[in-house]
Amino acid sequence: MKVPRSGKQLKMDKSNTSVVVTVVVATIIVVFCGFSAKALFTQGAYQRRVVDAKHQTVKRLEDNITAAQSLSQQYDVFESANPNAIGGKSDVAENAAPPDGKNSRIVLDALPTQYDFPALISSLSKLVSLHPITNPNIGGSDQSSAFSNQPSVEPQPLTIQQIPISGTMSYAVLQDLFKDIERSIRPYDVTALQFSGSGSNMTVTLNMSTQYQPATIIELENKEVK
């Protein structure tokens, strides 16, 4: 036989149920708040990293702008210098022969940004033609496929080797040729020299090397903030 509960017992059961429900709801709220706080903290930390990265980027851009302005001013001074870097006149026509000419053209001629074998042979032919050399010959072969003209962030000079020059000349002419090679805007290295005959009539063969350096590029990067 079921004993009926008293009013006091019913109130206690309801009170216990309310406590349990309250605890469960409070637990859910606490857990939810914990996860929400963690998510907000993570999002806030991420936003701070994004803001810091933006500030660093802006600072770098401002520094680059300042450096570019300074470089532009220095370039103007360098370009207008008279005499130029090798002692020639700078206030002359663009096609003036060395040592005259603007410093920018002298620098580009000294260290070209491309392999350009035909231009190299043409330059050497002009150099050789300044001297009374019998049967002058400039050898070598175009190896464009083996050299890169691709610009890069940090390009390095590339050496063009085995450029033979031969002909018949006197010892005095050979000395003058060496002097002009040394004075040349574009640097040449004599790597080998062979000669035979008398001082007034020598058969000379020399091997030379020179360099060029591909152009520099500015590389822009995208950075992911994590």
C-alpha atoms as a PDB file:
ATOM      1  CA  MET A   1       0.000   0.000   0.000  1.00  0.00           C
ATOM      2  CA  LYS A   2       1.441   3.317  -1.106  1.00  0.00           C
ATOM      3  CA  VAL A   3       1.869   5.831   1.641  1.00  0.00           C
ATOM      4  CA  PRO A   4       0.849   9.286   0.514  1.00  0.00           C
ATOM      5  CA  ARG A   5       3.554  11.924   0.749  1.00  0.00           C
ATOM      6  CA  SER A   6       3.102  14.792   3.041  1.00  0.00           C
ATOM      7  CA  GLY A   7       3.159  18.390   1.834  1.00  0.00           C
ATOM      8  CA  LYS A   8       6.566  18.882   3.436  1.00  0.00           C
ATOM      9  CA  GLN A   9       8.111  16.003   1.471  1.00  0.00           C
ATOM     10  CA  LEU A  10       6.684  17.343  -1.774  1.00  0.00           C
ATOM     11  CA  LYS A  11       8.192  20.735  -1.071  1.00  0.00           C
ATOM     12  CA  MET A  12      11.591  19.145  -0.365  1.00  0.00           C
ATOM     13  CA  ASP A  13      11.482  17.158  -3.631  1.00  0.00           C
ATOM     14  CA  LYS A  14      10.622  20.273  -5.582  1.00  0.00           C
ATOM     15  CA  SER A  15      13.375  22.166  -3.803  1.00  0.00           C
ATOM     16  CA  ASN A  16      15.950  19.456  -4.637  1.00  0.00           C
ATOM     17  CA  THR A  17      14.810  19.423  -8.247  1.00  0.00           C
ATOM     18  CA  SER A  18      15.179  23.194  -8.427  1.00  0.00           C
ATOM     19  CA  VAL A  19      18.681  22.978  -6.975  1.00  0.00           C
ATOM     20  CA  VAL A  20      19.712  20.342  -9.520  1.00  0.00           C
ATOM     21  CA  VAL A  21      18.265  22.351 -12.385  1.00  0.00           C
ATOM     22  CA  THR A  22      19.969  25.482 -11.099  1.00  0.00           C
ATOM     23  CA  VAL A  23      23.321  23.693 -10.816  1.00  0.00           C
ATOM     24  CA  VAL A  24      22.988  22.232 -14.318  1.00  0.00           C
ATOM     25  CA  VAL A  25      22.031  25.581 -15.809  1.00  0.00           C
ATOM     26  CA  ALA A  26      24.844  27.319 -13.925  1.00  0.00           C
ATOM     27  CA  THR A  27      27.327  24.698 -15.123  1.00  0.00           C
ATOM     28  CA  ILE A  28      26.191  25.139 -18.716  1.00  0.00           C
ATOM     29  CA  ILE A  29      26.490  28.902 -18.377  1.00  0.00           C
ATOM     30  CA  VAL A  30      29.965  28.646 -16.831  1.00  0.00           C
ATOM     31  CA  VAL A  31      31.169  26.249 -19.547  1.00  0.00           C
ATOM     32  CA  PHE A  32      29.669  28.423 -22.268  1.00  0.00           C
ATOM     33  CA  CYS A  33      31.236  31.527 -20.779  1.00  0.00           C
ATOM     34  CA  GLY A  34      34.583  29.718 -20.548  1.00  0.00           C
ATOM     35  CA  PHE A  35      34.517  28.715 -24.203  1.00  0.00           C
ATOM     36  CA  SER A  36      33.285  32.174 -25.197  1.00  0.00           C
ATOM     37  CA  ALA A  37      36.023  33.854 -23.179  1.00  0.00           C
ATOM     38  CA  LYS A  38      38.648  31.596 -24.738  1.00  0.00           C
ATOM     39  CA  ALA A  39      37.308  32.316 -28.230  1.00  0.00           C
ATOM     40  CA  LEU A  40      37.259  36.052 -27.524  1.00  0.00           C
ATOM     41  CA  PHE A  41      40.773  35.922 -26.097  1.00  0.00           C
ATOM     42  CA  THR A  42      42.047  33.990 -29.132  1.00  0.00           C
ATOM     43  CA  GLN A  43      40.323  36.397 -31.512  1.00  0.00           C
ATOM     44  CA  GLY A  44      41.681  39.377 -29.594  1.00  0.00           C
ATOM     45  CA  ALA A  45      45.221  37.991 -29.677  1.00  0.00           C
ATOM     46  CA  TYR A  46      44.888  37.375 -33.429  1.00  0.00           C
ATOM     47  CA  GLN A  47      43.636  40.912 -34.013  1.00  0.00           C
ATOM     48  CA  ARG A  48      46.575  42.275 -32.013  1.00  0.00           C
ATOM     49  CA  ARG A  49      48.994  40.292 -34.184  1.00  0.00           C
ATOM     50  CA  VAL A  50      47.275  41.608 -37.317  1.00  0.00           C
ATOM     51  CA  VAL A  51      47.481  45.195 -36.047  1.00  0.00           C
ATOM     52  CA  ASP A  52      51.152  44.748 -35.081  1.00  0.00           C
ATOM     53  CA  ALA A  53      51.940  43.295 -38.520  1.00  0.00           C
ATOM     54  CA  LYS A  54      50.174  46.227 -40.195  1.00  0.00           C
ATOM     55  CA  HIS A  55      52.126  48.710 -38.080  1.00  0.00           C
ATOM     56  CA  GLN A  56      55.399  46.980 -38.993  1.00  0.00           C
ATOM     57  CA  THR A  57      54.460  47.033 -42.684  1.00  0.00           C
ATOM     58  CA  VAL A  58      53.554  50.721 -42.568  1.00  0.00           C
ATOM     59  CA  LYS A  59      56.813  51.492 -40.740  1.00  0.00           C
ATOM     60  CA  ARG A  60      58.802  49.574 -43.351  1.00  0.00           C
ATOM     61  CA  LEU A  61      57.014  51.377 -46.182  1.00  0.00           C
ATOM     62  CA  GLU A  62      57.738  54.738 -44.567  1.00  0.00           C
ATOM     63  CA  ASP A  63      61.409  53.782 -44.177  1.00  0.00           C
ATOM     64  CA  ASN A  64      61.517  52.642 -47.817  1.00  0.00           C
ATOM     65  CA  ILE A  65      59.973  55.901 -49.008  1.00  0.00           C
ATOM     66  CA  THR A  66      62.547  57.888 -47.034  1.00  0.00           C
ATOM     67  CA  ALA A  67      65.366  55.721 -48.393  1.00  0.00           C
ATOM     68  CA  ALA A  68      64.037  56.087 -51.954  1.00  0.00           C
ATOM     69  CA  GLN A  69      63.932  59.869 -51.652  1.00  0.00           C
ATOM     70  CA  SER A  70      67.488  59.918 -50.311  1.00  0.00           C
ATOM     71  CA  LEU A  71      68.633  57.565 -53.079  1.00  0.00           C
ATOM     72  CA  SER A  72      66.998  59.767 -55.711  1.00  0.00           C
ATOM     73  CA  GLN A  73      68.858  62.812 -54.400  1.00  0.00           C
ATOM     74  CA  GLN A  74      72.156  60.920 -54.336  1.00  0.00           C
ATOM     75  CA  TYR A  75      71.533  59.676 -57.884  1.00  0.00           C
ATOM     76  CA  ASP A  76      70.959  63.231 -59.126  1.00  0.00           C
ATOM     77  CA  VAL A  77      74.258  64.323 -57.563  1.00  0.00           C
ATOM     78  CA  PHE A  78      76.058  61.291 -59.004  1.00  0.00           C
ATOM     79  CA  GLU A  79      74.541  61.793 -62.460  1.00  0.00           C
ATOM     80  CA  SER A  80      75.380  65.504 -62.647  1.00  0.00           C
ATOM     81  CA  ALA A  81      78.979  65.128 -61.434  1.00  0.00           C
ATOM     82  CA  ASN A  82      81.439  66.783 -63.801  1.00  0.00           C
ATOM     83  CA  PRO A  83      83.971  65.336 -64.432  1.00  0.00           C
ATOM     84  CA  ASN A  84      82.410  61.891 -64.331  1.00  0.00           C
ATOM     85  CA  ALA A  85      83.599  58.848 -62.381  1.00  0.00           C
ATOM     86  CA  ILE A  86      86.415  58.103 -64.842  1.00  0.00           C
ATOM     87  CA  GLY A  87      87.548  61.678 -65.410  1.00  0.00           C
ATOM     88  CA  GLY A  88      85.612  62.459 -68.585  1.00  0.00           C
ATOM     89  CA  LYS A  89      83.083  65.173 -69.351  1.00  0.00           C
ATOM     90  CA  SER A  90      79.482  64.505 -68.328  1.00  0.00           C
ATOM     91  CA  ASP A  91      77.819  67.485 -70.047  1.00  0.00           C
ATOM     92  CA  VAL A  92      78.001  65.887 -73.492  1.00  0.00           C
ATOM     93  CA  ALA A  93      75.685  64.086 -75.896  1.00  0.00           C
ATOM     94  CA  GLU A  94      74.272  60.683 -74.912  1.00  0.00           C
ATOM     95  CA  ASN A  95      76.278  58.916 -77.619  1.00  0.00           C
ATOM     96  CA  ALA A  96      79.601  60.475 -76.599  1.00  0.00           C
ATOM     97  CA  ALA A  97      82.531  58.068 -76.607  1.00  0.00           C
ATOM     98  CA  PRO A  98      84.224  57.130 -73.311  1.00  0.00           C
ATOM     99  CA  PRO A  99      85.650  58.501 -71.145  1.00  0.00           C
ATOM    100  CA  ASP A 100      82.992  61.195 -71.713  1.00  0.00           C
ATOM    101  CA  GLY A 101      79.370  60.556 -70.800  1.00  0.00           C
ATOM    102  CA  LYS A 102      76.933  60.446 -67.912  1.00  0.00           C
ATOM    103  CA  ASN A 103      77.848  58.337 -64.907  1.00  0.00           C
ATOM    104  CA  SER A 104      74.716  56.197 -65.256  1.00  0.00           C
ATOM    105  CA  ARG A 105      75.720  55.099 -68.763  1.00  0.00           C
ATOM    106  CA  ILE A 106      79.285  54.470 -67.634  1.00  0.00           C
ATOM    107  CA  VAL A 107      78.071  52.194 -64.840  1.00  0.00           C
ATOM    108  CA  LEU A 108      75.764  50.265 -67.167  1.00  0.00           C
ATOM    109  CA  ASP A 109      78.566  49.885 -69.697  1.00  0.00           C
ATOM    110  CA  ALA A 110      80.920  48.716 -66.957  1.00  0.00           C
ATOM    111  CA  LEU A 111      78.629  45.957 -65.716  1.00  0.00           C
ATOM    112  CA  PRO A 112      75.862  45.138 -68.213  1.00  0.00           C
ATOM    113  CA  THR A 113      72.679  43.461 -67.018  1.00  0.00           C
ATOM    114  CA  GLN A 114      72.545  41.002 -69.928  1.00  0.00           C
ATOM    115  CA  TYR A 115      74.856  38.463 -71.514  1.00  0.00           C
ATOM    116  CA  ASP A 116      74.582  40.066 -75.006  1.00  0.00           C
ATOM    117  CA  PHE A 117      77.516  38.395 -76.769  1.00  0.00           C
ATOM    118  CA  PRO A 118      77.180  40.436 -80.010  1.00  0.00           C
ATOM    119  CA  ALA A 119      77.500  43.686 -78.027  1.00  0.00           C
ATOM    120  CA  LEU A 120      80.565  42.282 -76.254  1.00  0.00           C
ATOM    121  CA  ILE A 121      82.265  41.412 -79.554  1.00  0.00           C
ATOM    122  CA  SER A 122      81.366  44.833 -80.963  1.00  0.00           C
ATOM    123  CA  SER A 123      82.921  46.559 -77.945  1.00  0.00           C
ATOM    124  CA  LEU A 124      86.121  44.513 -78.215  1.00  0.00           C
ATOM    125  CA  SER A 125      86.306  45.116 -81.972  1.00  0.00           C
ATOM    126  CA  LYS A 126      86.167  48.852 -81.368  1.00  0.00           C
ATOM    127  CA  LEU A 127      88.905  48.534 -78.761  1.00  0.00           C
ATOM    128  CA  VAL A 128      91.154  46.516 -81.071  1.00  0.00           C
ATOM    129  CA  SER A 129      90.534  48.828 -84.035  1.00  0.00           C
ATOM    130  CA  LEU A 130      92.215  51.680 -82.167  1.00  0.00           C
ATOM    131  CA  HIS A 131      95.598  50.003 -82.706  1.00  0.00           C
ATOM    132  CA  PRO A 132      97.636  49.105 -85.830  1.00  0.00           C
ATOM    133  CA  ILE A 133      97.139  45.341 -85.581  1.00  0.00           C
ATOM    134  CA  THR A 134      97.520  43.145 -88.664  1.00  0.00           C
ATOM    135  CA  ASN A 135      94.888  40.442 -89.205  1.00  0.00           C
ATOM    136  CA  PRO A 136      93.069  41.059 -85.929  1.00  0.00           C
ATOM    137  CA  ASN A 137      90.670  38.324 -84.892  1.00  0.00           C
ATOM    138  CA  ILE A 138      88.245  38.071 -81.984  1.00  0.00           C
ATOM    139  CA  GLY A 139      87.005  34.562 -81.293  1.00  0.00           C
ATOM    140  CA  GLY A 140      84.582  32.960 -78.902  1.00  0.00           C
ATOM    141  CA  SER A 141      81.075  31.640 -79.385  1.00  0.00           C
ATOM    142  CA  ASP A 142      77.652  32.869 -78.371  1.00  0.00           C
ATOM    143  CA  GLN A 143      76.586  30.820 -75.347  1.00  0.00           C
ATOM    144  CA  SER A 144      73.361  32.623 -74.540  1.00  0.00           C
ATOM    145  CA  SER A 145      71.624  29.349 -73.711  1.00  0.00           C
ATOM    146  CA  ALA A 146      74.140  28.661 -70.936  1.00  0.00           C
ATOM    147  CA  PHE A 147      73.764  32.061 -69.265  1.00  0.00           C
ATOM    148  CA  SER A 148      70.800  33.611 -67.502  1.00  0.00           C
ATOM    149  CA  ASN A 149      69.586  37.173 -67.910  1.00  0.00           C
ATOM    150  CA  GLN A 150      66.778  36.596 -65.401  1.00  0.00           C
ATOM    151  CA  PRO A 151      66.530  39.401 -62.822  1.00  0.00           C
ATOM    152  CA  SER A 152      66.578  38.370 -59.167  1.00  0.00           C
ATOM    153  CA  VAL A 153      66.438  39.857 -55.683  1.00  0.00           C
ATOM    154  CA  GLU A 154      70.167  39.362 -55.043  1.00  0.00           C
ATOM    155  CA  PRO A 155      71.885  38.886 -58.422  1.00  0.00           C
ATOM    156  CA  GLN A 156      75.519  37.843 -58.558  1.00  0.00           C
ATOM    157  CA  PRO A 157      78.097  38.707 -61.260  1.00  0.00           C
ATOM    158  CA  LEU A 158      78.510  36.011 -63.913  1.00  0.00           C
ATOM    159  CA  THR A 159      81.828  35.482 -65.684  1.00  0.00           C
ATOM    160  CA  ILE A 160      82.168  35.098 -69.450  1.00  0.00           C
ATOM    161  CA  GLN A 161      85.390  33.209 -70.098  1.00  0.00           C
ATOM    162  CA  GLN A 162      87.532  32.222 -73.070  1.00  0.00           C
ATOM    163  CA  ILE A 163      87.375  35.308 -75.294  1.00  0.00           C
ATOM    164  CA  PRO A 164      90.445  34.961 -77.538  1.00  0.00           C
ATOM    165  CA  ILE A 165      91.990  37.911 -79.375  1.00  0.00           C
ATOM    166  CA  SER A 166      94.827  37.407 -81.840  1.00  0.00           C
ATOM    167  CA  GLY A 167      96.800  39.389 -84.405  1.00  0.00           C
ATOM    168  CA  THR A 168     100.230  40.565 -85.484  1.00  0.00           C
ATOM    169  CA  MET A 169     101.665  43.679 -83.859  1.00  0.00           C
ATOM    170  CA  SER A 170     104.766  45.249 -82.396  1.00  0.00           C
ATOM    171  CA  TYR A 171     105.661  45.088 -78.732  1.00  0.00           C
ATOM    172  CA  ALA A 172     104.836  48.797 -78.365  1.00  0.00           C
ATOM    173  CA  VAL A 173     101.362  48.226 -79.837  1.00  0.00           C
ATOM    174  CA  LEU A 174     100.827  45.306 -77.447  1.00  0.00           C
ATOM    175  CA  GLN A 175     101.678  47.580 -74.526  1.00  0.00           C
ATOM    176  CA  ASP A 176      99.227  50.219 -75.752  1.00  0.00           C
ATOM    177  CA  LEU A 177      96.542  47.539 -76.169  1.00  0.00           C
ATOM    178  CA  PHE A 178      97.020  46.411 -72.576  1.00  0.00           C
ATOM    179  CA  LYS A 179      96.769  50.012 -71.374  1.00  0.00           C
ATOM    180  CA  ASP A 180      93.454  50.468 -73.189  1.00  0.00           C
ATOM    181  CA  ILE A 181      92.184  47.176 -71.773  1.00  0.00           C
ATOM    182  CA  GLU A 182      93.017  48.451 -68.288  1.00  0.00           C
ATOM    183  CA  ARG A 183      91.307  51.792 -68.974  1.00  0.00           C
ATOM    184  CA  SER A 184      88.219  50.178 -70.451  1.00  0.00           C
ATOM    185  CA  ILE A 185      84.923  51.041 -68.764  1.00  0.00           C
ATOM    186  CA  ARG A 186      83.962  47.388 -68.824  1.00  0.00           C
ATOM    187  CA  PRO A 187      86.503  45.371 -66.825  1.00  0.00           C
ATOM    188  CA  TYR A 188      88.430  42.663 -68.668  1.00  0.00           C
ATOM    189  CA  ASP A 189      90.825  40.125 -67.209  1.00  0.00           C
ATOM    190  CA  VAL A 190      93.638  38.740 -69.368  1.00  0.00           C
ATOM    191  CA  THR A 191      93.800  35.071 -68.347  1.00  0.00           C
ATOM    192  CA  ALA A 192      96.439  33.864 -70.830  1.00  0.00           C
ATOM    193  CA  LEU A 193      98.998  35.399 -73.202  1.00  0.00           C
ATOM    194  CA  GLN A 194     101.077  33.801 -75.947  1.00  0.00           C
ATOM    195  CA  PHE A 195     103.392  35.609 -78.359  1.00  0.00           C
ATOM    196  CA  SER A 196     106.209  34.787 -80.739  1.00  0.00           C
ATOM    197  CA  GLY A 197     108.449  36.702 -83.143  1.00  0.00           C
ATOM    198  CA  SER A 198     110.534  39.841 -82.847  1.00  0.00           C
ATOM    199  CA  GLY A 199     109.784  43.032 -80.961  1.00  0.00           C
ATOM    200  CA  SER A 200     108.617  44.778 -84.118  1.00  0.00           C
ATOM    201  CA  ASN A 201     106.589  41.877 -85.521  1.00  0.00           C
ATOM    202  CA  MET A 202     104.957  39.573 -82.997  1.00  0.00           C
ATOM    203  CA  THR A 203     102.114  37.114 -83.371  1.00  0.00           C
ATOM    204  CA  VAL A 204     100.022  37.555 -80.241  1.00  0.00           C
ATOM    205  CA  THR A 205      97.145  35.508 -78.829  1.00  0.00           C
ATOM    206  CA  LEU A 206      95.500  36.410 -75.566  1.00  0.00           C
ATOM    207  CA  ASN A 207      92.482  35.029 -73.741  1.00  0.00           C
ATOM    208  CA  MET A 208      90.205  37.344 -71.820  1.00  0.00           C
ATOM    209  CA  SER A 209      87.228  37.142 -69.493  1.00  0.00           C
ATOM    210  CA  THR A 210      84.641  39.680 -68.401  1.00  0.00           C
ATOM    211  CA  GLN A 211      81.482  39.810 -66.329  1.00  0.00           C
ATOM    212  CA  TYR A 212      77.879  40.901 -66.377  1.00  0.00           C
ATOM    213  CA  GLN A 213      75.257  40.991 -63.630  1.00  0.00           C
ATOM    214  CA  PRO A 214      71.514  40.418 -64.141  1.00  0.00           C
ATOM    215  CA  ALA A 215      69.212  43.192 -63.017  1.00  0.00           C
ATOM    216  CA  THR A 216      67.843  43.470 -59.497  1.00  0.00           C
ATOM    217  CA  ILE A 217      64.121  43.192 -58.828  1.00  0.00           C
ATOM    218  CA  ILE A 218      62.010  44.080 -55.803  1.00  0.00           C
ATOM    219  CA  GLU A 219      60.052  41.083 -54.582  1.00  0.00           C
ATOM    220  CA  LEU A 220      56.740  41.705 -52.821  1.00  0.00           C
ATOM    221  CA  GLU A 221      55.619  39.030 -50.380  1.00  0.00           C
ATOM    222  CA  ASN A 222      52.283  38.141 -48.821  1.00  0.00           C
ATOM    223  CA  LYS A 223      52.538  37.219 -45.150  1.00  0.00           C
ATOM    224  CA  GLU A 224      49.877  35.154 -43.421  1.00  0.00           C
ATOM    225  CA  VAL A 225      49.224  36.147 -39.822  1.00  0.00           C
ATOM    226  CA  LYS A 226      48.470  33.112 -37.672  1.00  0.00           C
END
